[in-house]
Structures are given as C-alpha cells and as structure tokens.
N, C-alpha and C. Protein backbone atom coordinates (compact mmCIF):
# COMPACT_ATOMS: atom_id res chain seq x y z
N MET A 1 123.91 106.42 95.08
CA MET A 1 122.62 105.85 94.67
C MET A 1 121.54 106.27 95.67
N GLU A 2 120.43 106.76 95.14
CA GLU A 2 119.36 107.27 96.00
C GLU A 2 118.70 106.12 96.76
N PRO A 3 118.53 106.23 98.07
CA PRO A 3 117.88 105.16 98.81
C PRO A 3 116.44 104.94 98.37
N VAL A 4 115.98 103.69 98.52
CA VAL A 4 114.62 103.35 98.10
C VAL A 4 113.60 104.18 98.83
N ALA A 5 113.82 104.42 100.13
CA ALA A 5 112.87 105.18 100.95
C ALA A 5 112.66 106.58 100.41
N ALA A 6 113.70 107.16 99.77
CA ALA A 6 113.57 108.50 99.24
C ALA A 6 112.72 108.51 97.98
N ALA A 7 112.84 107.43 97.18
CA ALA A 7 112.08 107.35 95.94
C ALA A 7 110.66 106.86 96.19
N TRP A 8 110.52 106.02 97.19
CA TRP A 8 109.20 105.43 97.49
C TRP A 8 109.03 105.48 98.99
N GLY A 9 108.57 106.64 99.48
CA GLY A 9 108.56 106.88 100.92
C GLY A 9 107.22 106.64 101.57
N TRP A 10 107.10 107.20 102.77
CA TRP A 10 105.90 107.00 103.58
C TRP A 10 104.63 107.52 102.92
N PRO A 11 104.64 108.64 102.21
CA PRO A 11 103.41 109.08 101.54
C PRO A 11 102.88 108.05 100.55
N HIS A 12 103.81 107.40 99.83
CA HIS A 12 103.40 106.39 98.86
C HIS A 12 102.79 105.17 99.56
N LEU A 13 103.44 104.73 100.61
CA LEU A 13 102.94 103.59 101.37
C LEU A 13 101.59 103.91 102.00
N LEU A 14 101.48 105.13 102.53
CA LEU A 14 100.22 105.55 103.16
C LEU A 14 99.08 105.59 102.15
N ALA A 15 99.36 106.09 100.95
CA ALA A 15 98.34 106.15 99.90
C ALA A 15 97.87 104.74 99.54
N LEU A 16 98.82 103.82 99.43
CA LEU A 16 98.48 102.44 99.09
C LEU A 16 97.65 101.79 100.20
N VAL A 17 98.06 102.00 101.44
CA VAL A 17 97.37 101.39 102.58
C VAL A 17 95.97 101.98 102.76
N LEU A 18 95.85 103.31 102.68
CA LEU A 18 94.54 103.92 102.85
C LEU A 18 93.59 103.53 101.71
N GLY A 19 94.14 103.44 100.50
CA GLY A 19 93.34 102.96 99.38
C GLY A 19 92.88 101.54 99.63
N TYR A 20 93.78 100.71 100.15
CA TYR A 20 93.46 99.32 100.46
C TYR A 20 92.34 99.23 101.50
N LEU A 21 92.44 100.03 102.55
CA LEU A 21 91.43 99.99 103.61
C LEU A 21 90.06 100.43 103.08
N ALA A 22 90.05 101.43 102.21
CA ALA A 22 88.78 101.86 101.61
C ALA A 22 88.22 100.76 100.71
N GLY A 23 89.09 100.17 99.91
CA GLY A 23 88.64 99.13 98.99
C GLY A 23 88.19 97.86 99.68
N SER A 24 88.69 97.63 100.89
CA SER A 24 88.38 96.38 101.58
C SER A 24 87.03 96.40 102.30
N ILE A 25 86.33 97.53 102.27
CA ILE A 25 84.99 97.57 102.87
C ILE A 25 84.07 96.67 102.05
N PRO A 26 83.53 95.60 102.62
CA PRO A 26 82.74 94.62 101.86
C PRO A 26 81.29 95.06 101.68
N PHE A 27 81.07 96.00 100.78
CA PHE A 27 79.73 96.55 100.63
C PHE A 27 78.71 95.50 100.22
N GLY A 28 79.12 94.52 99.39
CA GLY A 28 78.18 93.48 99.00
C GLY A 28 77.65 92.72 100.20
N LEU A 29 78.53 92.42 101.13
CA LEU A 29 78.15 91.71 102.35
C LEU A 29 77.27 92.60 103.23
N ILE A 30 77.66 93.85 103.37
CA ILE A 30 76.92 94.79 104.22
C ILE A 30 75.52 95.05 103.65
N VAL A 31 75.46 95.32 102.35
CA VAL A 31 74.18 95.65 101.71
C VAL A 31 73.20 94.49 101.78
N THR A 32 73.67 93.27 101.51
CA THR A 32 72.76 92.12 101.52
C THR A 32 72.26 91.81 102.93
N ARG A 33 73.13 91.99 103.91
CA ARG A 33 72.69 91.74 105.30
C ARG A 33 71.67 92.79 105.73
N LEU A 34 71.96 94.06 105.45
CA LEU A 34 71.03 95.12 105.82
C LEU A 34 69.72 95.01 105.06
N GLY A 35 69.81 94.48 103.83
CA GLY A 35 68.63 94.33 102.99
C GLY A 35 67.85 93.06 103.26
N GLY A 36 68.30 92.27 104.23
CA GLY A 36 67.58 91.05 104.59
C GLY A 36 67.78 89.89 103.65
N ALA A 37 68.85 89.93 102.83
CA ALA A 37 69.09 88.85 101.87
C ALA A 37 70.07 87.81 102.41
N GLY A 38 70.50 87.96 103.65
CA GLY A 38 71.40 86.98 104.25
C GLY A 38 72.86 87.25 103.93
N ASP A 39 73.68 86.23 104.11
CA ASP A 39 75.12 86.32 103.88
C ASP A 39 75.42 85.99 102.43
N ILE A 40 75.88 86.97 101.67
CA ILE A 40 76.13 86.79 100.24
C ILE A 40 77.17 85.70 99.98
N ARG A 41 78.01 85.44 100.96
CA ARG A 41 79.04 84.41 100.80
C ARG A 41 78.45 83.00 100.77
N ALA A 42 77.18 82.88 101.16
CA ALA A 42 76.51 81.57 101.15
C ALA A 42 75.56 81.45 99.95
N ILE A 43 75.64 82.41 99.04
CA ILE A 43 74.73 82.44 97.88
C ILE A 43 75.54 82.36 96.60
N GLY A 44 75.06 81.61 95.64
CA GLY A 44 75.70 81.53 94.32
C GLY A 44 77.16 81.15 94.39
N SER A 45 78.00 82.03 93.83
CA SER A 45 79.44 81.76 93.79
C SER A 45 80.12 82.08 95.11
N GLY A 46 79.40 82.75 96.02
CA GLY A 46 80.01 83.16 97.28
C GLY A 46 80.78 84.46 97.18
N ASN A 47 80.81 85.04 95.98
CA ASN A 47 81.53 86.29 95.73
C ASN A 47 80.76 87.46 96.35
N ILE A 48 81.49 88.48 96.81
CA ILE A 48 80.84 89.63 97.45
C ILE A 48 80.51 90.76 96.48
N GLY A 49 80.73 90.53 95.17
CA GLY A 49 80.49 91.57 94.18
C GLY A 49 79.05 91.66 93.73
N ALA A 50 78.76 92.68 92.90
CA ALA A 50 77.40 92.97 92.48
C ALA A 50 76.78 91.85 91.65
N THR A 51 77.59 91.18 90.82
CA THR A 51 77.05 90.10 89.98
C THR A 51 76.46 88.99 90.84
N ASN A 52 77.15 88.64 91.91
CA ASN A 52 76.62 87.59 92.78
C ASN A 52 75.45 88.09 93.61
N VAL A 53 75.49 89.36 94.01
CA VAL A 53 74.35 89.93 94.74
C VAL A 53 73.09 89.86 93.87
N LEU A 54 73.25 90.02 92.56
CA LEU A 54 72.12 89.94 91.65
C LEU A 54 71.46 88.57 91.70
N ARG A 55 72.22 87.55 92.06
CA ARG A 55 71.67 86.19 92.15
C ARG A 55 70.68 86.04 93.30
N THR A 56 70.64 87.02 94.19
CA THR A 56 69.64 86.98 95.25
C THR A 56 68.26 87.34 94.71
N GLY A 57 68.23 87.88 93.49
CA GLY A 57 66.97 88.34 92.91
C GLY A 57 66.62 89.75 93.31
N ARG A 58 67.48 90.38 94.08
CA ARG A 58 67.23 91.75 94.56
C ARG A 58 68.06 92.73 93.71
N LYS A 59 67.46 93.22 92.65
CA LYS A 59 68.19 94.10 91.72
C LYS A 59 68.63 95.40 92.39
N GLY A 60 67.82 95.90 93.31
CA GLY A 60 68.18 97.12 94.02
C GLY A 60 69.43 96.94 94.85
N LEU A 61 69.55 95.80 95.51
CA LEU A 61 70.75 95.52 96.30
C LEU A 61 71.97 95.37 95.40
N ALA A 62 71.77 94.75 94.25
CA ALA A 62 72.88 94.58 93.31
C ALA A 62 73.36 95.93 92.79
N LEU A 63 72.41 96.82 92.47
CA LEU A 63 72.77 98.15 91.99
C LEU A 63 73.49 98.94 93.08
N ALA A 64 72.99 98.85 94.31
CA ALA A 64 73.64 99.55 95.42
C ALA A 64 75.06 99.04 95.62
N THR A 65 75.25 97.73 95.52
CA THR A 65 76.59 97.15 95.66
C THR A 65 77.51 97.65 94.56
N LEU A 66 76.99 97.67 93.34
CA LEU A 66 77.78 98.15 92.20
C LEU A 66 78.24 99.58 92.41
N LEU A 67 77.32 100.44 92.83
CA LEU A 67 77.65 101.86 93.02
C LEU A 67 78.62 102.07 94.18
N PHE A 68 78.39 101.38 95.29
CA PHE A 68 79.29 101.52 96.44
C PHE A 68 80.69 100.99 96.10
N ASP A 69 80.75 99.86 95.39
CA ASP A 69 82.05 99.28 95.04
C ASP A 69 82.82 100.19 94.08
N ALA A 70 82.09 100.82 93.16
CA ALA A 70 82.74 101.77 92.24
C ALA A 70 83.20 103.01 93.01
N ALA A 71 82.37 103.47 93.94
CA ALA A 71 82.71 104.67 94.71
C ALA A 71 83.96 104.46 95.56
N LYS A 72 84.11 103.26 96.13
CA LYS A 72 85.28 103.04 96.98
C LYS A 72 86.56 102.95 96.16
N GLY A 73 86.43 102.82 94.85
CA GLY A 73 87.59 102.91 93.97
C GLY A 73 87.87 104.34 93.57
N ALA A 74 86.80 105.08 93.29
CA ALA A 74 86.95 106.45 92.81
C ALA A 74 87.35 107.43 93.90
N LEU A 75 86.75 107.33 95.08
CA LEU A 75 86.96 108.34 96.12
C LEU A 75 88.41 108.44 96.61
N PRO A 76 89.11 107.33 96.90
CA PRO A 76 90.51 107.48 97.33
C PRO A 76 91.37 108.17 96.27
N VAL A 77 91.07 107.88 95.00
CA VAL A 77 91.82 108.51 93.91
C VAL A 77 91.53 110.00 93.86
N LEU A 78 90.27 110.37 93.95
CA LEU A 78 89.88 111.78 93.88
C LEU A 78 90.43 112.58 95.06
N VAL A 79 90.44 111.97 96.24
CA VAL A 79 91.00 112.64 97.42
C VAL A 79 92.49 112.90 97.23
N ALA A 80 93.19 111.87 96.73
CA ALA A 80 94.64 112.02 96.51
C ALA A 80 94.93 113.04 95.42
N LEU A 81 94.10 113.05 94.38
CA LEU A 81 94.29 114.03 93.30
C LEU A 81 94.05 115.45 93.80
N THR A 82 93.09 115.61 94.70
CA THR A 82 92.73 116.93 95.21
C THR A 82 93.76 117.48 96.20
N TRP A 83 94.22 116.61 97.09
CA TRP A 83 95.06 117.08 98.18
C TRP A 83 96.55 116.79 98.00
N PHE A 84 96.87 115.85 97.12
CA PHE A 84 98.29 115.48 96.98
C PHE A 84 98.71 115.52 95.52
N ASP A 85 99.08 114.39 94.93
CA ASP A 85 99.49 114.43 93.53
C ASP A 85 99.02 113.16 92.81
N ARG A 86 99.27 113.13 91.51
CA ARG A 86 98.74 112.04 90.69
C ARG A 86 99.41 110.71 91.01
N GLU A 87 100.68 110.75 91.33
CA GLU A 87 101.39 109.51 91.65
C GLU A 87 100.76 108.82 92.86
N LEU A 88 100.46 109.60 93.89
CA LEU A 88 99.81 109.04 95.07
C LEU A 88 98.40 108.58 94.74
N ALA A 89 97.73 109.28 93.82
CA ALA A 89 96.39 108.90 93.42
C ALA A 89 96.39 107.53 92.73
N LEU A 90 97.38 107.30 91.89
CA LEU A 90 97.49 106.01 91.21
C LEU A 90 97.70 104.88 92.21
N LEU A 91 98.53 105.13 93.21
CA LEU A 91 98.77 104.12 94.24
C LEU A 91 97.53 103.88 95.08
N ALA A 92 96.79 104.94 95.38
CA ALA A 92 95.55 104.78 96.13
C ALA A 92 94.55 103.94 95.34
N GLY A 93 94.52 104.15 94.03
CA GLY A 93 93.63 103.36 93.18
C GLY A 93 94.01 101.89 93.16
N LEU A 94 95.30 101.62 93.07
CA LEU A 94 95.77 100.24 93.12
C LEU A 94 95.41 99.60 94.45
N GLY A 95 95.62 100.36 95.53
CA GLY A 95 95.28 99.86 96.86
C GLY A 95 93.81 99.52 96.99
N ALA A 96 92.94 100.35 96.39
CA ALA A 96 91.50 100.11 96.48
C ALA A 96 91.12 98.80 95.80
N VAL A 97 91.69 98.54 94.64
CA VAL A 97 91.38 97.29 93.93
C VAL A 97 91.91 96.09 94.71
N LEU A 98 93.12 96.21 95.24
CA LEU A 98 93.67 95.12 96.06
C LEU A 98 92.81 94.87 97.29
N GLY A 99 92.32 95.96 97.89
CA GLY A 99 91.47 95.82 99.07
C GLY A 99 90.17 95.10 98.77
N HIS A 100 89.57 95.42 97.63
CA HIS A 100 88.32 94.75 97.26
C HIS A 100 88.55 93.27 96.97
N CYS A 101 89.61 92.97 96.26
CA CYS A 101 89.88 91.59 95.85
C CYS A 101 90.42 90.74 97.00
N PHE A 102 91.17 91.36 97.90
CA PHE A 102 91.79 90.61 99.00
C PHE A 102 91.59 91.33 100.33
N PRO A 103 90.33 91.45 100.81
CA PRO A 103 90.07 92.20 102.05
C PRO A 103 90.54 91.44 103.29
N VAL A 104 91.27 92.11 104.13
CA VAL A 104 91.80 91.47 105.33
C VAL A 104 90.69 91.01 106.25
N TRP A 105 89.56 91.72 106.25
CA TRP A 105 88.44 91.41 107.15
C TRP A 105 87.78 90.08 106.80
N LEU A 106 87.92 89.65 105.56
CA LEU A 106 87.24 88.43 105.10
C LEU A 106 88.23 87.33 104.74
N GLY A 107 89.38 87.34 105.43
CA GLY A 107 90.37 86.31 105.15
C GLY A 107 90.97 86.43 103.76
N PHE A 108 91.01 87.64 103.23
CA PHE A 108 91.57 87.94 101.91
C PHE A 108 90.76 87.29 100.78
N LYS A 109 89.50 86.95 101.04
CA LYS A 109 88.62 86.38 100.02
C LYS A 109 87.58 87.43 99.65
N GLY A 110 87.84 88.16 98.59
CA GLY A 110 86.96 89.25 98.20
C GLY A 110 86.35 89.07 96.84
N GLY A 111 86.02 90.19 96.20
CA GLY A 111 85.39 90.16 94.89
C GLY A 111 86.40 90.10 93.77
N LYS A 112 85.91 90.32 92.56
CA LYS A 112 86.78 90.19 91.38
C LYS A 112 87.31 91.53 90.89
N GLY A 113 86.89 92.61 91.52
CA GLY A 113 87.54 93.90 91.29
C GLY A 113 87.02 94.74 90.15
N VAL A 114 86.02 94.26 89.42
CA VAL A 114 85.61 94.98 88.21
C VAL A 114 84.98 96.33 88.52
N ALA A 115 84.01 96.37 89.42
CA ALA A 115 83.34 97.64 89.73
C ALA A 115 84.31 98.63 90.39
N THR A 116 85.13 98.14 91.31
CA THR A 116 86.10 99.01 91.97
C THR A 116 87.12 99.53 90.97
N ALA A 117 87.56 98.67 90.07
CA ALA A 117 88.49 99.09 89.02
C ALA A 117 87.85 100.15 88.13
N ALA A 118 86.56 99.98 87.83
CA ALA A 118 85.86 100.97 87.01
C ALA A 118 85.84 102.33 87.71
N GLY A 119 85.65 102.33 89.02
CA GLY A 119 85.69 103.58 89.76
C GLY A 119 87.05 104.25 89.70
N VAL A 120 88.09 103.44 89.80
CA VAL A 120 89.46 103.97 89.71
C VAL A 120 89.71 104.58 88.34
N VAL A 121 89.34 103.85 87.30
CA VAL A 121 89.55 104.34 85.93
C VAL A 121 88.74 105.61 85.69
N LEU A 122 87.51 105.64 86.19
CA LEU A 122 86.67 106.84 86.04
C LEU A 122 87.34 108.06 86.65
N ALA A 123 87.91 107.92 87.83
CA ALA A 123 88.53 109.05 88.52
C ALA A 123 89.81 109.52 87.83
N ILE A 124 90.51 108.60 87.18
CA ILE A 124 91.79 108.94 86.56
C ILE A 124 91.63 109.35 85.10
N SER A 125 90.78 108.62 84.36
CA SER A 125 90.63 108.88 82.93
C SER A 125 89.23 108.50 82.47
N PRO A 126 88.26 109.40 82.57
CA PRO A 126 86.87 109.10 82.18
C PRO A 126 86.75 108.60 80.74
N LEU A 127 87.57 109.13 79.83
CA LEU A 127 87.50 108.70 78.44
C LEU A 127 87.91 107.23 78.30
N THR A 128 88.91 106.84 79.09
CA THR A 128 89.32 105.44 79.08
C THR A 128 88.20 104.54 79.58
N LEU A 129 87.52 104.97 80.63
CA LEU A 129 86.40 104.18 81.15
C LEU A 129 85.31 104.05 80.10
N LEU A 130 85.01 105.12 79.39
CA LEU A 130 83.99 105.08 78.35
C LEU A 130 84.33 104.02 77.30
N ALA A 131 85.58 104.02 76.86
CA ALA A 131 86.02 103.04 75.86
C ALA A 131 85.92 101.62 76.41
N ALA A 132 86.35 101.43 77.66
CA ALA A 132 86.30 100.10 78.28
C ALA A 132 84.85 99.63 78.43
N LEU A 133 83.95 100.55 78.79
CA LEU A 133 82.53 100.20 78.91
C LEU A 133 81.94 99.77 77.57
N LEU A 134 82.34 100.44 76.50
CA LEU A 134 81.87 100.07 75.17
C LEU A 134 82.33 98.66 74.81
N VAL A 135 83.58 98.35 75.16
CA VAL A 135 84.10 97.00 74.92
C VAL A 135 83.31 95.98 75.73
N PHE A 136 83.07 96.32 77.00
CA PHE A 136 82.31 95.42 77.88
C PHE A 136 80.91 95.17 77.32
N LEU A 137 80.21 96.24 76.96
CA LEU A 137 78.85 96.11 76.47
C LEU A 137 78.80 95.33 75.16
N ALA A 138 79.77 95.58 74.28
CA ALA A 138 79.80 94.86 73.00
C ALA A 138 80.02 93.37 73.24
N ALA A 139 80.97 93.04 74.12
CA ALA A 139 81.28 91.64 74.40
C ALA A 139 80.10 90.92 75.04
N VAL A 140 79.45 91.57 76.01
CA VAL A 140 78.32 90.94 76.70
C VAL A 140 77.12 90.81 75.76
N THR A 141 76.89 91.82 74.94
CA THR A 141 75.76 91.77 74.01
C THR A 141 75.95 90.65 72.99
N LEU A 142 77.17 90.50 72.48
CA LEU A 142 77.43 89.50 71.45
C LEU A 142 77.53 88.08 72.00
N THR A 143 78.08 87.94 73.21
CA THR A 143 78.34 86.59 73.74
C THR A 143 77.49 86.22 74.94
N ARG A 144 76.97 87.24 75.65
CA ARG A 144 76.20 87.07 76.90
C ARG A 144 77.07 86.52 78.04
N TYR A 145 78.39 86.67 77.91
CA TYR A 145 79.30 86.27 78.98
C TYR A 145 79.80 87.53 79.69
N VAL A 146 79.32 87.77 80.91
CA VAL A 146 79.75 88.93 81.68
C VAL A 146 81.23 88.83 82.01
N SER A 147 81.69 87.63 82.33
CA SER A 147 83.10 87.45 82.68
C SER A 147 84.01 87.80 81.52
N LEU A 148 83.63 87.39 80.32
CA LEU A 148 84.44 87.71 79.14
C LEU A 148 84.48 89.22 78.91
N GLY A 149 83.32 89.86 79.05
CA GLY A 149 83.27 91.31 78.90
C GLY A 149 84.15 92.01 79.92
N SER A 150 84.16 91.51 81.15
CA SER A 150 84.97 92.11 82.21
C SER A 150 86.46 92.00 81.91
N VAL A 151 86.88 90.82 81.46
CA VAL A 151 88.29 90.60 81.16
C VAL A 151 88.73 91.45 79.97
N LEU A 152 87.92 91.47 78.92
CA LEU A 152 88.27 92.26 77.74
C LEU A 152 88.30 93.75 78.05
N ALA A 153 87.37 94.20 78.88
CA ALA A 153 87.34 95.62 79.25
C ALA A 153 88.57 96.00 80.06
N SER A 154 89.03 95.11 80.93
CA SER A 154 90.22 95.40 81.74
C SER A 154 91.47 95.50 80.86
N VAL A 155 91.53 94.68 79.83
CA VAL A 155 92.65 94.75 78.89
C VAL A 155 92.56 96.04 78.06
N ALA A 156 91.34 96.34 77.63
CA ALA A 156 91.12 97.53 76.80
C ALA A 156 91.51 98.81 77.54
N ALA A 157 91.25 98.87 78.84
CA ALA A 157 91.56 100.08 79.60
C ALA A 157 93.04 100.43 79.52
N ALA A 158 93.89 99.43 79.68
CA ALA A 158 95.34 99.67 79.62
C ALA A 158 95.75 100.13 78.22
N LEU A 159 95.21 99.48 77.20
CA LEU A 159 95.57 99.82 75.82
C LEU A 159 95.09 101.22 75.45
N VAL A 160 93.88 101.56 75.87
CA VAL A 160 93.34 102.88 75.54
C VAL A 160 94.13 103.98 76.24
N ALA A 161 94.45 103.78 77.52
CA ALA A 161 95.23 104.78 78.25
C ALA A 161 96.59 105.00 77.59
N TYR A 162 97.20 103.93 77.14
CA TYR A 162 98.50 104.06 76.44
C TYR A 162 98.33 104.81 75.13
N ALA A 163 97.25 104.49 74.39
CA ALA A 163 97.00 105.17 73.12
C ALA A 163 96.72 106.65 73.32
N LEU A 164 96.17 107.00 74.49
CA LEU A 164 95.88 108.40 74.79
C LEU A 164 97.12 109.15 75.29
N GLY A 165 98.24 108.46 75.34
CA GLY A 165 99.49 109.10 75.75
C GLY A 165 99.65 109.24 77.24
N ASP A 166 99.11 108.29 78.00
CA ASP A 166 99.20 108.34 79.47
C ASP A 166 99.84 107.04 79.97
N PRO A 167 101.16 106.91 79.84
CA PRO A 167 101.81 105.65 80.21
C PRO A 167 101.69 105.30 81.69
N GLN A 168 101.63 106.31 82.57
CA GLN A 168 101.47 106.03 84.00
C GLN A 168 100.14 105.33 84.27
N ALA A 169 99.08 105.90 83.71
CA ALA A 169 97.76 105.29 83.89
C ALA A 169 97.71 103.93 83.21
N ALA A 170 98.33 103.82 82.03
CA ALA A 170 98.33 102.55 81.31
C ALA A 170 98.99 101.45 82.14
N LEU A 171 100.07 101.80 82.83
CA LEU A 171 100.76 100.82 83.67
C LEU A 171 99.86 100.39 84.83
N LEU A 172 99.22 101.37 85.47
CA LEU A 172 98.31 101.03 86.57
C LEU A 172 97.18 100.14 86.08
N PHE A 173 96.57 100.51 84.94
CA PHE A 173 95.44 99.75 84.43
C PHE A 173 95.88 98.35 83.99
N ALA A 174 97.12 98.23 83.53
CA ALA A 174 97.64 96.91 83.16
C ALA A 174 97.77 96.03 84.39
N VAL A 175 98.29 96.60 85.49
CA VAL A 175 98.43 95.84 86.74
C VAL A 175 97.05 95.44 87.26
N ILE A 176 96.11 96.39 87.23
CA ILE A 176 94.74 96.10 87.66
C ILE A 176 94.13 95.03 86.76
N GLY A 177 94.40 95.13 85.46
CA GLY A 177 93.89 94.13 84.52
C GLY A 177 94.39 92.73 84.84
N ILE A 178 95.64 92.64 85.23
CA ILE A 178 96.20 91.33 85.60
C ILE A 178 95.48 90.79 86.83
N ILE A 179 95.23 91.67 87.80
CA ILE A 179 94.50 91.26 89.01
C ILE A 179 93.11 90.76 88.65
N VAL A 180 92.41 91.50 87.79
CA VAL A 180 91.06 91.11 87.37
C VAL A 180 91.09 89.77 86.65
N ILE A 181 92.06 89.57 85.77
CA ILE A 181 92.16 88.31 85.04
C ILE A 181 92.44 87.15 85.98
N VAL A 182 93.34 87.36 86.94
CA VAL A 182 93.64 86.30 87.92
C VAL A 182 92.40 85.95 88.73
N LYS A 183 91.64 86.97 89.13
CA LYS A 183 90.43 86.72 89.91
C LYS A 183 89.34 86.03 89.08
N HIS A 184 89.46 86.11 87.76
CA HIS A 184 88.51 85.45 86.86
C HIS A 184 89.04 84.11 86.33
N HIS A 185 90.07 83.56 86.95
CA HIS A 185 90.67 82.36 86.37
C HIS A 185 89.69 81.19 86.28
N GLN A 186 88.78 81.08 87.24
CA GLN A 186 87.80 80.00 87.18
C GLN A 186 86.81 80.24 86.04
N ASN A 187 86.41 81.49 85.86
CA ASN A 187 85.51 81.83 84.75
C ASN A 187 86.18 81.54 83.41
N ILE A 188 87.46 81.89 83.31
CA ILE A 188 88.20 81.66 82.07
C ILE A 188 88.27 80.16 81.77
N GLY A 189 88.48 79.37 82.82
CA GLY A 189 88.49 77.92 82.64
C GLY A 189 87.15 77.41 82.14
N ARG A 190 86.06 77.92 82.71
CA ARG A 190 84.72 77.50 82.26
C ARG A 190 84.43 77.98 80.85
N LEU A 191 84.92 79.18 80.50
CA LEU A 191 84.75 79.66 79.13
C LEU A 191 85.45 78.73 78.14
N ALA A 192 86.66 78.31 78.50
CA ALA A 192 87.42 77.41 77.62
C ALA A 192 86.71 76.07 77.44
N ARG A 193 86.00 75.64 78.49
CA ARG A 193 85.30 74.35 78.43
C ARG A 193 83.86 74.49 77.93
N GLY A 194 83.43 75.73 77.68
CA GLY A 194 82.06 75.96 77.24
C GLY A 194 81.04 75.77 78.33
N GLU A 195 81.46 75.96 79.59
CA GLU A 195 80.58 75.72 80.73
C GLU A 195 80.18 77.00 81.47
N GLU A 196 80.65 78.13 81.02
CA GLU A 196 80.34 79.39 81.71
C GLU A 196 78.87 79.76 81.52
N ASN A 197 78.24 80.24 82.61
CA ASN A 197 76.84 80.65 82.53
C ASN A 197 76.71 81.93 81.70
N LYS A 198 75.67 81.96 80.89
CA LYS A 198 75.40 83.14 80.08
C LYS A 198 74.38 84.04 80.76
N LEU A 199 74.52 85.33 80.49
CA LEU A 199 73.55 86.30 80.99
C LEU A 199 72.26 86.16 80.21
N SER A 200 71.15 86.07 80.94
CA SER A 200 69.86 85.96 80.28
C SER A 200 69.18 87.31 80.25
N PHE A 201 68.77 87.73 79.08
CA PHE A 201 68.06 89.01 78.92
C PHE A 201 66.56 88.84 79.06
N ALA A 202 66.12 87.59 79.13
CA ALA A 202 64.68 87.32 79.24
C ALA A 202 64.21 87.50 80.67
N LYS A 203 63.01 88.00 80.83
CA LYS A 203 62.45 88.17 82.16
C LYS A 203 62.00 86.82 82.70
N LYS A 204 62.26 86.59 83.98
CA LYS A 204 61.82 85.35 84.59
C LYS A 204 60.32 85.39 84.80
N PRO A 205 59.63 84.25 84.56
CA PRO A 205 58.18 84.23 84.74
C PRO A 205 57.80 84.40 86.21
C-alpha cells in the first residue's frame, strides 16, 4: 500500500500553506486603515470583506477591497498553474479561501470568502465564474439579498464545473461552497426569519 506521504507530499502541503498565507492578508483591514476609515472590525458586522467596507460609505475602499481579495485568490492559483501543475493549483486555491475566512493574524476571524472564491474560480474556470456571476446577479436583482446571491452562486459554481466535465474543479468548488455557506450561517438564519437586510439601489440623500 502506497504511503500517504507519497500520494500527498510536501509539494501539496506547501501549495496549501502558501495559498493560505496569501489568502490571510486582511486587505479590508489594511485598505480601510490606510484610507482613514478606521478599523473595519468595529464597523457594521465587523467583517473584513468588501460588503462591510461598503458600510463605511467609501465605495472606492470597498472596490479596492473587492479587487484585492479576488486577486489573492487568483494569483496563488495562477502561479501554481504556471510553474507546477493543476492539482497544486487547486490546493493553493483552497488554501487562499481558508486563509481569507480564517486568518491566523486575526485570531481566525476573517471574511466570508466570496470575493476570494471568485478569484479562485476565475483562475481555474472563467466560464464557471461567468455562470456563477449570472446566478448572483439574478438572485440579488430579484430579491436584493446579497447573502442569498452569494450562497446560490457558490452552489452554482460546483454544479456548472461538473456539467462542464471538470470533476476536480467541481469538487474544489463544492468544498469552497460549503465554507461560504458555513460563513453565511447567520445570514441564512436571518433570511429564514425575514430579518436579513436588503440591498438598496436608491441613492442616499
């Protein structure tokens, strides 16, 4: 019987760890502090993601957070795809999402993983990301619940990847989807009770 270390060796562990370290960079916290908006953990939900950064009223900071969080998901995958192989790239992507959601620097209290997951999906399967984005936009447009759109998009990514004949990616996206759903458990509870905040498309006076 082949030893576990031979099937899942140091390169795999290194890819996971390096992806985790990249994903754990708290760009929401860094961007808001540099932008003079204070500590994002003391604002709104306390989440370090772009949605909570938007609650500061600084749309530019929210956009920067979104782009940086997506990039830290995509870059580890692209590096692994370029220099190593797809299996290591998938592990790097998983590590990035885990790093964002459970960063060691912040006591493992991170974001909900949506933007970082989108970066991972983009690097692995752009067509899958396009389909997931369409699901997200449709859900948010119809219901105005960003959390619902995020959860449905994470489920859609796994299903679309499987339909496209990519079971490896589908498995990764399914695991990421579970992480995203777990991180949204409070939102899901509020949705069930009809207490979740809706996205407002109206401009504030």
